[in-house]
Amino acid sequence: MAELELAGLGEAMVLFESTSLATAPAVDVHIAGAEFNLCAAAARLGIATALCTRVGADPLGERVLAGLDGLGVSTALAMTDPDHPTGLFLKDVQPDGERRVYYYRKGSAASTMDTSDADRLLAARPGLVAVSGITAALGDGPRAAVLHLAPRVRLAFDPNFRPGLGPLDDQAAFARLLLPHVDILILGLDEAHLIFGTTDVFAAFPGEVILKAGAQGCYFRGGHLPSYATEVVDPVGAGDAFAGGYLAARLRGASPAAAAHIGSVLAAGVVAAHGDTAGLPDPATGRALLTKPAATRG
């Protein structure tokens, strides 16, 4: 593998989405997952990325690997597991626009990841590793993999709490356990309060931190950017796109302000389209976006 700038550790799943799934004659099919989305966003900006994961030896696993390849994310760290299936989830869009999500990830290939996956990632010597709290919440093996990696890499962490993966207090406790090893912390307002008991993350966390605030935009140490979104079709995946854009820009030397700008551009594109990655820029536009704000670098 060529020099690896950014690697994610996590689960990529196949998404089946439609209006009123109980009666829909057909569904839209997408690929999603926090680290998958993040790596896709960074790859569209020209960053050398890879996703360390496991998929099943099944058609959905083939689809995940093809999706990674199509988005420019290396599959060199992905492993096919013949004994466990690829995770999937359903998004049932109601006539009023409400989205109900159903996950089928228990016993999935990615939920069996362990420290051997962490070692495979370490051997690739990535410049930065991105992981979400979702990965650690998948089970004891993935949790052990995250803890094995954390002190050995430059680490970006997005708590990405999910009520369906266990008590939020437990997820917050794990985040606090990981914090001493985190170099870049990216989190939302609600997550900040669960972890620190306050939204003043700049006082609570001494390292690099950026606070995602939805319609309010984002806050970085010493500054704020408003949201760039002008149309919201589907908000899912916007936070991951923001994180991928922000980390990509920081890897290439952009200031936190310039990186937040790039992340915000990507997030606005994703919320304006169906699917977690459909709204990302094409590679040429993405590379231009990353090289354009030279005046705000440093």
Protein backbone atom coordinates (compact mmCIF):
# COMPACT_ATOMS: atom_id res chain seq x y z
CA MET A 1 0.00 0.00 0.00
CA ALA A 2 1.19 3.52 -0.81
CA GLU A 3 1.62 5.97 2.05
CA LEU A 4 -1.61 5.94 4.01
CA GLU A 5 -2.71 9.34 5.30
CA LEU A 6 -5.99 8.41 7.01
CA ALA A 7 -7.47 5.09 8.11
CA GLY A 8 -10.84 4.36 9.67
CA LEU A 9 -11.70 1.43 11.91
CA GLY A 10 -15.37 0.51 11.86
CA GLU A 11 -18.33 -1.19 10.27
CA ALA A 12 -19.67 -0.52 6.78
CA MET A 13 -23.23 -1.72 6.17
CA VAL A 14 -25.66 -1.91 3.31
CA LEU A 15 -28.74 0.31 3.60
CA PHE A 16 -32.14 -0.49 2.09
CA GLU A 17 -34.32 2.62 1.97
CA SER A 18 -37.78 3.41 0.70
CA THR A 19 -41.00 5.19 1.53
CA SER A 20 -43.28 2.82 3.49
CA LEU A 21 -41.10 -0.30 3.41
CA ALA A 22 -44.01 -2.52 4.41
CA THR A 23 -45.60 -1.98 1.00
CA ALA A 24 -42.80 -0.61 -1.21
CA PRO A 25 -42.29 -2.67 -4.40
CA ALA A 26 -38.63 -1.57 -4.64
CA VAL A 27 -35.94 -0.01 -2.47
CA ASP A 28 -32.93 2.25 -2.91
CA VAL A 29 -29.65 0.63 -1.90
CA HIS A 30 -26.77 2.55 -0.35
CA ILE A 31 -23.66 1.82 1.71
CA ALA A 32 -23.13 3.60 4.98
CA GLY A 33 -21.36 3.58 8.32
CA ALA A 34 -19.66 6.36 10.27
CA GLU A 35 -16.08 5.53 9.35
CA PHE A 36 -17.07 4.51 5.81
CA ASN A 37 -18.67 7.92 5.28
CA LEU A 38 -15.75 9.76 6.86
CA CYS A 39 -13.17 7.97 4.72
CA ALA A 40 -15.25 8.53 1.58
CA ALA A 41 -15.37 12.27 2.25
CA ALA A 42 -11.61 12.46 2.80
CA ALA A 43 -10.91 10.36 -0.29
CA ARG A 44 -12.97 12.72 -2.46
CA LEU A 45 -10.60 15.49 -1.38
CA GLY A 46 -7.59 13.50 -2.57
CA ILE A 47 -6.49 12.00 0.74
CA ALA A 48 -5.06 8.45 0.68
CA THR A 49 -7.54 6.55 2.85
CA ALA A 50 -8.39 2.99 3.86
CA LEU A 51 -11.10 1.39 5.95
CA CYS A 52 -10.12 -1.40 8.32
CA THR A 53 -13.20 -3.58 8.65
CA ARG A 54 -14.67 -7.02 8.19
CA VAL A 55 -17.44 -7.95 5.77
CA GLY A 56 -19.21 -11.21 5.16
CA ALA A 57 -18.49 -13.55 2.27
CA ASP A 58 -21.84 -12.62 0.77
CA PRO A 59 -23.26 -10.31 -1.91
CA LEU A 60 -23.62 -7.45 0.57
CA GLY A 61 -19.93 -7.77 1.47
CA GLU A 62 -19.06 -7.63 -2.21
CA ARG A 63 -21.18 -4.51 -2.52
CA VAL A 64 -19.41 -2.82 0.41
CA LEU A 65 -15.98 -3.56 -1.05
CA ALA A 66 -17.04 -2.32 -4.48
CA GLY A 67 -18.47 0.81 -2.86
CA LEU A 68 -15.23 1.54 -1.07
CA ASP A 69 -13.27 1.07 -4.27
CA GLY A 70 -15.67 3.27 -6.22
CA LEU A 71 -15.26 6.08 -3.72
CA GLY A 72 -11.46 5.86 -3.80
CA VAL A 73 -11.09 4.26 -0.37
CA SER A 74 -8.56 1.42 -0.24
CA THR A 75 -9.87 -2.04 0.67
CA ALA A 76 -6.39 -3.32 1.57
CA LEU A 77 -7.29 -3.36 5.27
CA ALA A 78 -10.73 -4.97 4.80
CA MET A 79 -11.08 -8.67 5.57
CA THR A 80 -13.75 -11.09 4.33
CA ASP A 81 -15.20 -13.32 7.04
CA PRO A 82 -16.78 -16.56 5.78
CA ASP A 83 -18.54 -17.25 9.07
CA HIS A 84 -20.46 -14.02 9.72
CA PRO A 85 -22.72 -11.86 7.53
CA THR A 86 -22.33 -8.27 6.43
CA GLY A 87 -24.34 -5.88 8.59
CA LEU A 88 -27.35 -4.13 7.09
CA PHE A 89 -30.02 -1.66 8.08
CA LEU A 90 -33.34 -0.37 6.84
CA LYS A 91 -34.57 3.19 6.57
CA ASP A 92 -38.35 3.42 6.44
CA VAL A 93 -39.36 6.89 5.25
CA GLN A 94 -42.88 7.76 6.37
CA PRO A 95 -45.27 9.84 4.22
CA ASP A 96 -44.74 12.79 6.58
CA GLY A 97 -40.97 12.57 6.08
CA GLU A 98 -40.15 10.87 9.40
CA ARG A 99 -37.34 8.33 9.05
CA ARG A 100 -37.45 5.13 11.07
CA VAL A 101 -34.20 3.17 11.11
CA TYR A 102 -33.84 -0.55 11.88
CA TYR A 103 -30.37 -2.07 12.36
CA TYR A 104 -29.39 -5.70 11.75
CA ARG A 105 -25.78 -5.76 12.89
CA LYS A 106 -25.78 -8.22 15.82
CA GLY A 107 -23.40 -11.05 14.93
CA SER A 108 -22.16 -9.23 11.85
CA ALA A 109 -18.66 -9.74 10.51
CA ALA A 110 -17.54 -6.30 11.73
CA SER A 111 -18.86 -6.99 15.23
CA THR A 112 -16.25 -9.78 15.50
CA MET A 113 -13.29 -7.46 14.93
CA ASP A 114 -10.57 -7.70 17.56
CA THR A 115 -6.98 -6.68 18.27
CA SER A 116 -5.75 -8.57 15.19
CA ASP A 117 -7.61 -6.01 13.08
CA ALA A 118 -5.93 -3.23 15.05
CA ASP A 119 -2.55 -4.82 14.38
CA ARG A 120 -3.34 -5.05 10.66
CA LEU A 121 -4.09 -1.34 10.68
CA LEU A 122 -0.97 -0.49 12.68
CA ALA A 123 1.20 -2.36 10.18
CA ALA A 124 -0.02 0.05 7.47
CA ARG A 125 1.44 2.99 9.48
CA PRO A 126 -1.38 5.51 8.86
CA GLY A 127 -0.76 9.18 9.52
CA LEU A 128 -4.08 9.47 11.37
CA VAL A 129 -6.68 6.96 12.55
CA ALA A 130 -10.35 7.93 12.79
CA VAL A 131 -12.75 5.97 14.95
CA SER A 132 -16.23 6.56 16.34
CA GLY A 133 -17.84 5.41 19.53
CA ILE A 134 -20.02 3.15 17.38
CA THR A 135 -17.10 0.81 16.74
CA ALA A 136 -16.37 0.28 20.43
CA ALA A 137 -20.08 -0.28 21.12
CA LEU A 138 -20.29 -3.18 18.63
CA GLY A 139 -18.90 -5.66 21.16
CA ASP A 140 -15.98 -6.68 23.33
CA GLY A 141 -13.70 -7.43 20.37
CA PRO A 142 -14.12 -4.08 18.60
CA ARG A 143 -13.81 -2.29 21.95
CA ALA A 144 -10.51 -4.10 22.59
CA ALA A 145 -9.33 -3.16 19.10
CA VAL A 146 -9.99 0.53 19.74
CA LEU A 147 -8.21 0.45 23.10
CA HIS A 148 -5.26 -1.38 21.52
CA LEU A 149 -4.95 1.24 18.79
CA ALA A 150 -5.52 4.38 20.83
CA PRO A 151 -2.12 4.81 22.53
CA ARG A 152 -0.22 3.74 19.41
CA VAL A 153 -1.54 6.15 16.78
CA ARG A 154 -2.49 9.74 16.17
CA LEU A 155 -6.20 9.44 16.91
CA ALA A 156 -9.30 11.36 15.81
CA PHE A 157 -12.43 10.43 17.75
CA ASP A 158 -16.12 11.16 17.16
CA PRO A 159 -18.29 9.74 19.97
CA ASN A 160 -21.28 9.29 17.63
CA PHE A 161 -23.49 7.95 20.42
CA ARG A 162 -26.23 5.51 19.39
CA PRO A 163 -29.01 4.60 21.88
CA GLY A 164 -29.54 1.32 20.03
CA LEU A 165 -26.03 0.17 20.94
CA GLY A 166 -26.44 0.34 24.70
CA PRO A 167 -26.91 2.83 27.54
CA LEU A 168 -25.64 6.30 26.63
CA ASP A 169 -23.99 6.62 30.05
CA ASP A 170 -21.85 3.57 29.22
CA GLN A 171 -20.91 5.01 25.84
CA ALA A 172 -19.99 8.31 27.51
CA ALA A 173 -17.87 6.47 30.08
CA PHE A 174 -15.93 4.77 27.28
CA ALA A 175 -15.39 8.12 25.59
CA ARG A 176 -13.92 9.52 28.81
CA LEU A 177 -11.65 6.45 29.03
CA LEU A 178 -10.38 7.14 25.51
CA LEU A 179 -9.90 10.91 25.85
CA PRO A 180 -6.29 10.84 27.15
CA HIS A 181 -5.28 9.26 23.82
CA VAL A 182 -7.36 11.52 21.54
CA ASP A 183 -5.52 14.08 19.42
CA ILE A 184 -8.56 15.50 17.59
CA LEU A 185 -12.01 15.37 19.18
CA ILE A 186 -15.06 15.96 16.98
CA LEU A 187 -18.41 15.85 18.76
CA GLY A 188 -21.94 17.21 18.93
CA LEU A 189 -23.55 19.44 21.53
CA ASP A 190 -25.55 16.62 23.15
CA GLU A 191 -22.49 14.37 23.25
CA ALA A 192 -20.42 17.11 24.86
CA HIS A 193 -22.88 17.40 27.72
CA LEU A 194 -22.97 13.63 28.27
CA ILE A 195 -19.19 13.36 28.37
CA PHE A 196 -18.19 16.55 30.18
CA GLY A 197 -21.39 17.72 31.84
CA THR A 198 -21.07 20.97 29.88
CA THR A 199 -21.00 22.17 26.29
CA ASP A 200 -17.89 24.27 27.02
CA VAL A 201 -15.63 21.64 25.49
CA PHE A 202 -12.83 24.13 24.98
CA ALA A 203 -12.38 24.42 28.72
CA ALA A 204 -13.03 20.72 29.37
CA PHE A 205 -10.68 19.24 26.73
CA PRO A 206 -7.14 20.58 26.33
CA GLY A 207 -6.47 19.19 22.86
CA GLU A 208 -7.85 20.01 19.44
CA VAL A 209 -11.63 19.93 19.51
CA ILE A 210 -14.44 20.95 17.20
CA LEU A 211 -18.09 21.10 18.20
CA LYS A 212 -20.80 20.26 15.68
CA ALA A 213 -23.97 22.22 16.40
CA GLY A 214 -26.36 21.28 13.59
CA ALA A 215 -28.23 24.28 12.23
CA GLN A 216 -25.99 26.54 14.33
CA GLY A 217 -22.93 25.41 12.38
CA CYS A 218 -19.75 24.49 14.20
CA TYR A 219 -17.41 25.89 16.82
CA PHE A 220 -13.65 25.54 16.97
CA ARG A 221 -11.24 26.97 19.50
CA GLY A 222 -11.47 30.71 18.99
CA GLY A 223 -14.13 30.77 16.32
CA HIS A 224 -17.49 29.80 14.85
CA LEU A 225 -18.87 29.06 11.39
CA PRO A 226 -22.58 29.08 10.52
CA SER A 227 -24.11 26.12 8.75
CA TYR A 228 -23.80 26.28 4.95
CA ALA A 229 -26.85 24.06 4.37
CA THR A 230 -29.54 25.68 2.21
CA GLU A 231 -31.58 22.54 1.55
CA VAL A 232 -32.08 19.55 3.86
CA VAL A 233 -33.20 16.37 2.11
CA ASP A 234 -31.60 13.83 4.44
CA PRO A 235 -29.42 14.90 7.40
CA VAL A 236 -27.90 11.46 8.00
CA GLY A 237 -24.20 11.31 7.16
CA ALA A 238 -23.60 15.06 7.32
CA GLY A 239 -21.59 14.84 10.54
CA ASP A 240 -19.36 12.14 9.06
CA ALA A 241 -18.80 14.19 5.90
CA PHE A 242 -17.91 17.19 8.05
CA ALA A 243 -15.41 15.11 10.03
CA GLY A 244 -13.84 13.65 6.88
CA GLY A 245 -13.45 17.08 5.31
CA TYR A 246 -12.09 18.62 8.50
CA LEU A 247 -9.51 15.86 9.05
CA ALA A 248 -8.46 15.84 5.40
CA ALA A 249 -7.80 19.57 5.51
CA ARG A 250 -5.89 19.35 8.78
CA LEU A 251 -3.73 16.56 7.34
CA ARG A 252 -2.79 18.87 4.47
CA GLY A 253 -1.88 21.77 6.78
CA ALA A 254 -5.08 23.84 6.86
CA SER A 255 -5.87 25.87 9.96
CA PRO A 256 -8.83 24.73 12.10
CA ALA A 257 -10.88 27.59 10.62
CA ALA A 258 -10.08 26.57 7.03
CA ALA A 259 -10.67 22.90 7.87
CA ALA A 260 -14.04 23.73 9.43
CA HIS A 261 -14.96 25.59 6.25
CA ILE A 262 -14.16 22.56 4.10
CA GLY A 263 -16.00 20.21 6.43
CA SER A 264 -19.02 22.52 6.34
CA VAL A 265 -19.05 22.58 2.53
CA LEU A 266 -19.10 18.78 2.44
CA ALA A 267 -21.80 18.53 5.11
CA ALA A 268 -24.04 20.94 3.21
CA GLY A 269 -23.71 18.83 0.07
CA VAL A 270 -24.56 15.60 1.89
CA VAL A 271 -27.72 16.91 3.58
CA ALA A 272 -29.01 18.06 0.20
CA ALA A 273 -29.04 14.51 -1.24
CA HIS A 274 -30.41 11.06 -0.39
CA GLY A 275 -27.80 8.61 0.89
CA ASP A 276 -24.82 9.21 3.13
CA THR A 277 -22.27 9.89 0.37
CA ALA A 278 -24.30 10.86 -2.72
CA GLY A 279 -23.86 14.57 -2.01
CA LEU A 280 -20.07 14.48 -1.85
CA PRO A 281 -18.19 16.42 -4.55
CA ASP A 282 -16.65 14.63 -7.50
CA PRO A 283 -12.90 13.98 -7.08
CA ALA A 284 -11.77 16.92 -9.21
CA THR A 285 -13.99 19.37 -7.33
CA GLY A 286 -12.94 17.86 -4.01
CA ARG A 287 -9.23 18.19 -4.74
CA ALA A 288 -9.73 21.80 -5.82
CA LEU A 289 -11.63 22.53 -2.61
CA LEU A 290 -8.78 21.19 -0.52
CA THR A 291 -6.11 23.27 -2.29
CA LYS A 292 -8.11 26.49 -2.68
CA PRO A 293 -8.05 28.13 0.80
CA ALA A 294 -4.28 28.69 0.84
CA ALA A 295 -4.67 32.03 2.59
CA THR A 296 -6.17 30.37 5.65
CA ARG A 297 -3.58 27.63 6.01
CA GLY A 298 -1.02 27.36 8.77
